[in-house]
Amino acid sequence: MKEKKIGLIYAFIALFLWGIHGVAGRYLAIENVNMLFVAAVRFFIGTSLFFIFLFFKKNLTFNFKEKFKLVLAISIIGITGNSLLYHISLKYLSGTLVMIFENLSPIFVILFSFLVDKEKPTLFEIIAFLLSFLGIIIIVLGKEHFLDLKENFYLGIFWGILTGMSFGFYVYLSSKLVSPLRNKPDRIINFLFKIFLISSITVSPIIFFSSNKPTKLQHWFWILEMGIFQSGLAYIFWNYALSYLPVNSTSILFIFTILFTTINEIIFLKLKLNIFLIIGGGLIILSGYLISKNLKNSEGKR
């Protein structure tokens, strides 16, 4: 019981931290800071933090041959791709909407499992897919009610869906990497260090050649905050939480990132909720919850 409480504390710290970065990112987007530059700097900060953490724990290894193809795929598509798409989406959509679209990831995990592993979706999963699709339609139909997001609204939805798809790719592949290491969080963080290092190298040209770089102290403060707390510490807390809690139960908790993002965005960026956001977003969140809950029940019966 004590270990479960520790795991929940670690999980909620990570979720709270991830609930901030949508708001911070949206603020930087409104300030016209180059969001690709923000994403690139975050990778370097996160990589540095993983290095320092592993160095002081004396668990740092540089064996890049171990599962290299899987690590490379996760890095290029699952981490780099998802981060760039996430930050682009914040130019057009609120942090809450982007987090909602990112929670489409369970649907894409099912799709990848079907296409790659030939796992047929259950009736439960098909219903969840239809709910999420309906949620997207409702949000699209509500364009006129998103008063501050009318310009390029549909383009933002396009990027948001790709964000959910790329995150689903990350979840799908990282589960193959993490499953054998469930009770070895330091080894998982070693893999994260390698993944982020590859991502940092991949996006490094953006840092040197991008325009609209930060010009204010507040800009740099929030970029540093996102790099240290969301790209670094949140991942560390989350992986330690996974070592104490069942993975499927923990995945359900990920929905709290939307709640934390929405609360912060209402307080700091004056986000105005509307019926289309509430119903459409609620359906997408429900679909992810149902899939995670169904997976948990399936595991329990084995």
Protein backbone atom coordinates (compact mmCIF):
# COMPACT_ATOMS: atom_id res chain seq x y z
CA MET A 1 0.00 0.00 0.00
CA LYS A 2 2.87 2.36 0.85
CA GLU A 3 4.48 1.76 -2.54
CA LYS A 4 1.17 2.49 -4.30
CA LYS A 5 0.90 5.83 -2.47
CA ILE A 6 4.46 6.73 -3.48
CA GLY A 7 3.67 5.78 -7.06
CA LEU A 8 0.53 7.94 -7.08
CA ILE A 9 2.48 10.90 -5.69
CA TYR A 10 5.11 10.52 -8.41
CA ALA A 11 2.39 10.15 -11.07
CA PHE A 12 0.47 13.27 -10.00
CA ILE A 13 3.65 15.35 -9.85
CA ALA A 14 4.40 14.34 -13.44
CA LEU A 15 0.81 14.95 -14.57
CA PHE A 16 0.71 18.37 -12.90
CA LEU A 17 3.97 19.36 -14.58
CA TRP A 18 2.72 18.20 -17.98
CA GLY A 19 -0.48 20.15 -17.29
CA ILE A 20 1.56 23.36 -17.25
CA HIS A 21 3.46 23.07 -20.52
CA GLY A 22 0.41 23.45 -22.78
CA VAL A 23 -0.32 26.80 -21.16
CA ALA A 24 3.32 27.93 -21.25
CA GLY A 25 3.61 26.86 -24.87
CA ARG A 26 0.40 28.62 -25.85
CA TYR A 27 1.66 31.81 -24.18
CA LEU A 28 4.88 31.65 -26.22
CA ALA A 29 2.88 31.00 -29.41
CA ILE A 30 0.69 34.05 -28.73
CA GLU A 31 3.90 36.04 -28.20
CA ASN A 32 4.97 34.93 -31.71
CA VAL A 33 8.02 33.01 -30.48
CA ASN A 34 9.16 30.36 -32.97
CA MET A 35 7.65 27.17 -31.57
CA LEU A 36 10.08 24.89 -33.39
CA PHE A 37 12.90 26.75 -31.64
CA VAL A 38 11.12 26.17 -28.30
CA ALA A 39 10.82 22.44 -29.02
CA ALA A 40 14.50 22.18 -30.00
CA VAL A 41 15.78 23.97 -26.89
CA ARG A 42 13.59 21.77 -24.69
CA PHE A 43 15.27 18.67 -26.10
CA PHE A 44 18.72 19.95 -25.15
CA ILE A 45 17.58 20.86 -21.64
CA GLY A 46 15.84 17.51 -21.13
CA THR A 47 18.85 15.58 -22.42
CA SER A 48 21.15 17.51 -20.06
CA LEU A 49 18.87 16.79 -17.11
CA PHE A 50 18.76 13.05 -17.86
CA PHE A 51 22.58 13.05 -18.14
CA ILE A 52 23.01 14.79 -14.77
CA PHE A 53 20.44 12.53 -13.09
CA LEU A 54 22.04 9.32 -14.36
CA PHE A 55 25.57 10.58 -13.70
CA PHE A 56 24.88 11.25 -10.02
CA LYS A 57 23.04 7.94 -9.66
CA LYS A 58 26.02 6.23 -11.34
CA ASN A 59 23.73 4.52 -13.83
CA LEU A 60 24.85 6.28 -17.01
CA THR A 61 25.62 3.95 -19.93
CA PHE A 62 26.51 4.76 -23.53
CA ASN A 63 25.58 1.47 -25.19
CA PHE A 64 23.79 2.79 -28.29
CA LYS A 65 23.75 -0.63 -29.95
CA GLU A 66 21.15 -2.02 -27.55
CA LYS A 67 17.76 -1.97 -29.36
CA PHE A 68 19.15 0.76 -31.64
CA LYS A 69 16.50 0.49 -34.36
CA LEU A 70 13.68 0.72 -31.83
CA VAL A 71 15.35 3.62 -30.01
CA LEU A 72 15.91 5.44 -33.33
CA ALA A 73 12.27 4.99 -34.42
CA ILE A 74 10.95 6.22 -31.06
CA SER A 75 13.31 9.19 -31.16
CA ILE A 76 12.66 10.37 -34.74
CA ILE A 77 8.91 9.76 -34.99
CA GLY A 78 7.61 9.28 -31.45
CA ILE A 79 9.55 12.01 -29.63
CA THR A 80 10.92 14.45 -32.22
CA GLY A 81 7.89 14.21 -34.51
CA ASN A 82 5.39 14.45 -31.67
CA SER A 83 7.13 17.40 -30.02
CA LEU A 84 7.39 19.42 -33.24
CA LEU A 85 3.75 18.71 -34.14
CA TYR A 86 2.64 19.55 -30.58
CA HIS A 87 4.38 22.91 -30.66
CA ILE A 88 3.08 23.72 -34.15
CA SER A 89 -0.47 22.93 -32.97
CA LEU A 90 -0.11 25.46 -30.15
CA LYS A 91 0.19 28.23 -32.77
CA TYR A 92 -3.42 27.60 -33.80
CA LEU A 93 -5.19 25.94 -30.86
CA SER A 94 -5.45 26.38 -27.10
CA GLY A 95 -3.33 24.17 -24.88
CA THR A 96 -6.49 22.38 -23.74
CA LEU A 97 -7.51 21.49 -27.29
CA VAL A 98 -4.01 20.26 -28.16
CA MET A 99 -3.95 18.04 -25.06
CA ILE A 100 -7.39 16.68 -25.98
CA PHE A 101 -6.16 15.76 -29.47
CA GLU A 102 -3.03 14.21 -27.99
CA ASN A 103 -5.33 11.95 -25.98
CA LEU A 104 -6.43 10.42 -29.28
CA SER A 105 -3.26 8.34 -28.92
CA PRO A 106 -5.02 5.18 -27.58
CA ILE A 107 -7.05 5.07 -30.81
CA PHE A 108 -3.88 5.15 -32.91
CA VAL A 109 -2.24 2.52 -30.68
CA ILE A 110 -5.14 0.21 -31.59
CA LEU A 111 -4.69 1.10 -35.26
CA PHE A 112 -0.93 0.41 -35.21
CA SER A 113 -1.53 -2.87 -33.34
CA PHE A 114 -3.99 -3.91 -36.05
CA LEU A 115 -1.78 -2.90 -38.98
CA VAL A 116 1.55 -4.17 -37.60
CA ASP A 117 0.71 -6.93 -35.11
CA LYS A 118 -2.54 -8.04 -36.81
CA GLU A 119 -4.44 -7.67 -33.53
CA LYS A 120 -8.13 -7.30 -34.32
CA PRO A 121 -9.89 -4.53 -32.36
CA THR A 122 -12.61 -5.61 -29.96
CA LEU A 123 -16.16 -4.28 -30.13
CA PHE A 124 -15.30 -2.14 -27.10
CA GLU A 125 -12.38 -0.57 -28.96
CA ILE A 126 -14.47 0.06 -32.08
CA ILE A 127 -17.04 1.90 -29.96
CA ALA A 128 -14.24 3.99 -28.42
CA PHE A 129 -12.95 4.80 -31.93
CA LEU A 130 -16.41 5.99 -33.01
CA LEU A 131 -16.74 8.12 -29.87
CA SER A 132 -13.41 9.83 -30.52
CA PHE A 133 -14.32 10.42 -34.19
CA LEU A 134 -17.64 11.94 -33.10
CA GLY A 135 -15.76 14.15 -30.64
CA ILE A 136 -13.56 15.52 -33.44
CA ILE A 137 -16.61 16.25 -35.60
CA ILE A 138 -18.31 18.15 -32.78
CA ILE A 139 -15.19 20.27 -32.19
CA VAL A 140 -14.90 21.00 -35.94
CA LEU A 141 -18.58 22.03 -36.09
CA GLY A 142 -18.01 24.41 -33.18
CA LYS A 143 -15.48 26.61 -34.98
CA GLU A 144 -17.53 29.80 -34.60
CA HIS A 145 -17.66 29.31 -30.83
CA PHE A 146 -13.87 29.33 -30.43
CA LEU A 147 -13.72 33.12 -30.55
CA ASP A 148 -9.94 33.52 -30.38
CA LEU A 149 -9.09 30.53 -32.59
CA LYS A 150 -11.03 31.17 -35.81
CA GLU A 151 -7.95 31.92 -37.93
CA ASN A 152 -6.49 28.67 -39.33
CA PHE A 153 -8.72 26.70 -36.95
CA TYR A 154 -9.01 23.70 -39.28
CA LEU A 155 -5.27 23.71 -39.91
CA GLY A 156 -4.78 23.56 -36.15
CA ILE A 157 -7.11 20.57 -35.92
CA PHE A 158 -5.11 18.85 -38.67
CA TRP A 159 -1.85 19.37 -36.73
CA GLY A 160 -3.61 18.34 -33.50
CA ILE A 161 -4.74 15.01 -34.96
CA LEU A 162 -1.19 14.37 -36.24
CA THR A 163 0.04 15.15 -32.71
CA GLY A 164 -2.25 12.44 -31.33
CA MET A 165 -1.11 10.04 -34.06
CA SER A 166 2.60 10.61 -33.37
CA PHE A 167 2.05 10.24 -29.62
CA GLY A 168 0.20 6.99 -30.30
CA PHE A 169 3.25 5.86 -32.27
CA TYR A 170 5.43 6.74 -29.28
CA VAL A 171 3.17 4.83 -26.86
CA TYR A 172 3.01 1.82 -29.18
CA LEU A 173 6.78 1.53 -29.69
CA SER A 174 7.85 2.58 -26.18
CA SER A 175 5.63 -0.13 -24.68
CA LYS A 176 7.78 -2.68 -26.53
CA LEU A 177 10.89 -1.03 -25.13
CA VAL A 178 9.66 -0.53 -21.56
CA SER A 179 7.72 -3.77 -20.92
CA PRO A 180 10.79 -5.87 -20.02
CA LEU A 181 12.09 -3.04 -17.81
CA ARG A 182 8.92 -2.32 -15.82
CA ASN A 183 10.69 -2.44 -12.43
CA LYS A 184 13.93 -0.86 -13.63
CA PRO A 185 13.18 2.88 -13.96
CA ASP A 186 16.86 3.86 -14.13
CA ARG A 187 17.35 1.69 -17.22
CA ILE A 188 14.27 3.26 -18.79
CA ILE A 189 15.69 6.73 -18.11
CA ASN A 190 18.94 5.58 -19.73
CA PHE A 191 16.95 4.78 -22.86
CA LEU A 192 15.19 8.15 -22.58
CA PHE A 193 18.59 9.84 -22.41
CA LYS A 194 19.64 8.14 -25.64
CA ILE A 195 16.31 8.93 -27.31
CA PHE A 196 16.46 12.61 -26.32
CA LEU A 197 20.12 12.84 -27.33
CA ILE A 198 19.27 11.61 -30.84
CA SER A 199 16.33 14.04 -30.95
CA SER A 200 18.57 16.92 -29.84
CA ILE A 201 21.05 16.18 -32.62
CA THR A 202 18.19 15.89 -35.14
CA VAL A 203 16.66 19.29 -34.30
CA SER A 204 19.93 21.17 -33.66
CA PRO A 205 19.81 23.06 -37.02
CA ILE A 206 16.55 24.68 -35.88
CA ILE A 207 18.33 26.41 -33.00
CA PHE A 208 20.86 28.07 -35.31
CA PHE A 209 18.70 28.90 -38.33
CA SER A 210 15.23 29.72 -36.97
CA SER A 211 13.75 33.21 -36.86
CA ASN A 212 11.51 34.82 -34.21
CA LYS A 213 13.66 33.68 -31.32
CA PRO A 214 12.78 34.69 -27.73
CA THR A 215 13.33 38.39 -27.03
CA LYS A 216 12.02 38.78 -23.49
CA LEU A 217 13.14 37.45 -20.12
CA GLN A 218 9.66 35.92 -19.68
CA HIS A 219 10.10 33.96 -22.91
CA TRP A 220 13.34 32.40 -21.71
CA PHE A 221 11.88 31.74 -18.26
CA TRP A 222 9.05 29.64 -19.69
CA ILE A 223 11.32 27.83 -22.15
CA LEU A 224 13.64 26.90 -19.27
CA GLU A 225 10.65 25.89 -17.16
CA MET A 226 9.32 23.64 -19.94
CA GLY A 227 12.76 22.12 -20.54
CA ILE A 228 13.58 21.42 -16.88
CA PHE A 229 10.19 20.42 -15.52
CA GLN A 230 8.26 18.96 -18.48
CA SER A 231 11.00 17.59 -20.76
CA GLY A 232 13.10 16.39 -17.84
CA LEU A 233 11.66 15.96 -14.36
CA ALA A 234 8.15 14.93 -15.46
CA TYR A 235 9.56 11.98 -17.42
CA ILE A 236 11.67 10.92 -14.44
CA PHE A 237 8.72 11.07 -12.02
CA TRP A 238 6.45 9.29 -14.52
CA ASN A 239 8.82 6.38 -15.05
CA TYR A 240 9.35 5.94 -11.33
CA ALA A 241 5.56 5.97 -10.91
CA LEU A 242 5.33 3.14 -13.47
CA SER A 243 7.69 1.07 -11.34
CA TYR A 244 5.19 1.24 -8.44
CA LEU A 245 1.83 1.17 -10.26
CA PRO A 246 0.19 -1.07 -12.89
CA VAL A 247 0.86 0.54 -16.28
CA ASN A 248 -2.76 0.38 -17.45
CA SER A 249 -4.07 2.02 -14.29
CA THR A 250 -1.46 4.73 -14.64
CA SER A 251 -2.37 5.39 -18.28
CA ILE A 252 -5.90 6.24 -17.16
CA LEU A 253 -4.45 8.91 -14.85
CA PHE A 254 -2.90 10.61 -17.91
CA ILE A 255 -6.31 12.14 -18.56
CA PHE A 256 -5.63 14.45 -15.60
CA THR A 257 -3.16 16.38 -17.79
CA ILE A 258 -6.17 17.81 -19.64
CA LEU A 259 -7.79 18.87 -16.36
CA PHE A 260 -4.62 20.59 -15.12
CA THR A 261 -4.08 22.25 -18.52
CA THR A 262 -7.66 23.55 -18.64
CA ILE A 263 -7.54 24.96 -15.10
CA ASN A 264 -4.22 26.71 -15.74
CA GLU A 265 -5.39 28.04 -19.09
CA ILE A 266 -8.62 29.45 -17.61
CA ILE A 267 -6.62 31.18 -14.84
CA PHE A 268 -3.65 32.50 -16.83
CA LEU A 269 -4.81 32.80 -20.45
CA LYS A 270 -8.53 33.49 -19.87
CA LEU A 271 -9.65 30.41 -21.81
CA LYS A 272 -13.40 30.46 -22.43
CA LEU A 273 -15.07 27.07 -22.40
CA ASN A 274 -17.96 26.34 -24.76
CA ILE A 275 -20.38 23.46 -25.22
CA PHE A 276 -18.56 22.14 -28.32
CA LEU A 277 -15.23 21.96 -26.48
CA ILE A 278 -16.82 20.32 -23.44
CA ILE A 279 -18.84 17.69 -25.34
CA GLY A 280 -16.32 17.00 -28.13
CA GLY A 281 -13.37 16.92 -25.74
CA GLY A 282 -15.36 14.82 -23.28
CA LEU A 283 -16.05 12.18 -25.93
CA ILE A 284 -12.36 11.96 -26.87
CA ILE A 285 -11.35 11.71 -23.21
CA LEU A 286 -14.05 9.08 -22.62
CA SER A 287 -12.81 6.98 -25.54
CA GLY A 288 -9.26 6.98 -24.14
CA TYR A 289 -10.55 6.13 -20.68
CA LEU A 290 -12.68 3.25 -21.97
CA ILE A 291 -9.76 1.75 -23.91
CA SER A 292 -7.44 1.98 -20.89
CA LYS A 293 -10.11 0.57 -18.57
CA ASN A 294 -10.89 -2.25 -20.97
CA LEU A 295 -7.18 -3.09 -21.25
CA LYS A 296 -6.87 -3.11 -17.47
CA ASN A 297 -9.82 -5.50 -17.12
CA SER A 298 -8.41 -7.77 -19.85
CA GLU A 299 -5.06 -7.95 -18.03
CA GLY A 300 -6.84 -8.75 -14.77
CA LYS A 301 -8.53 -11.79 -16.29
CA ARG A 302 -5.28 -13.39 -17.44
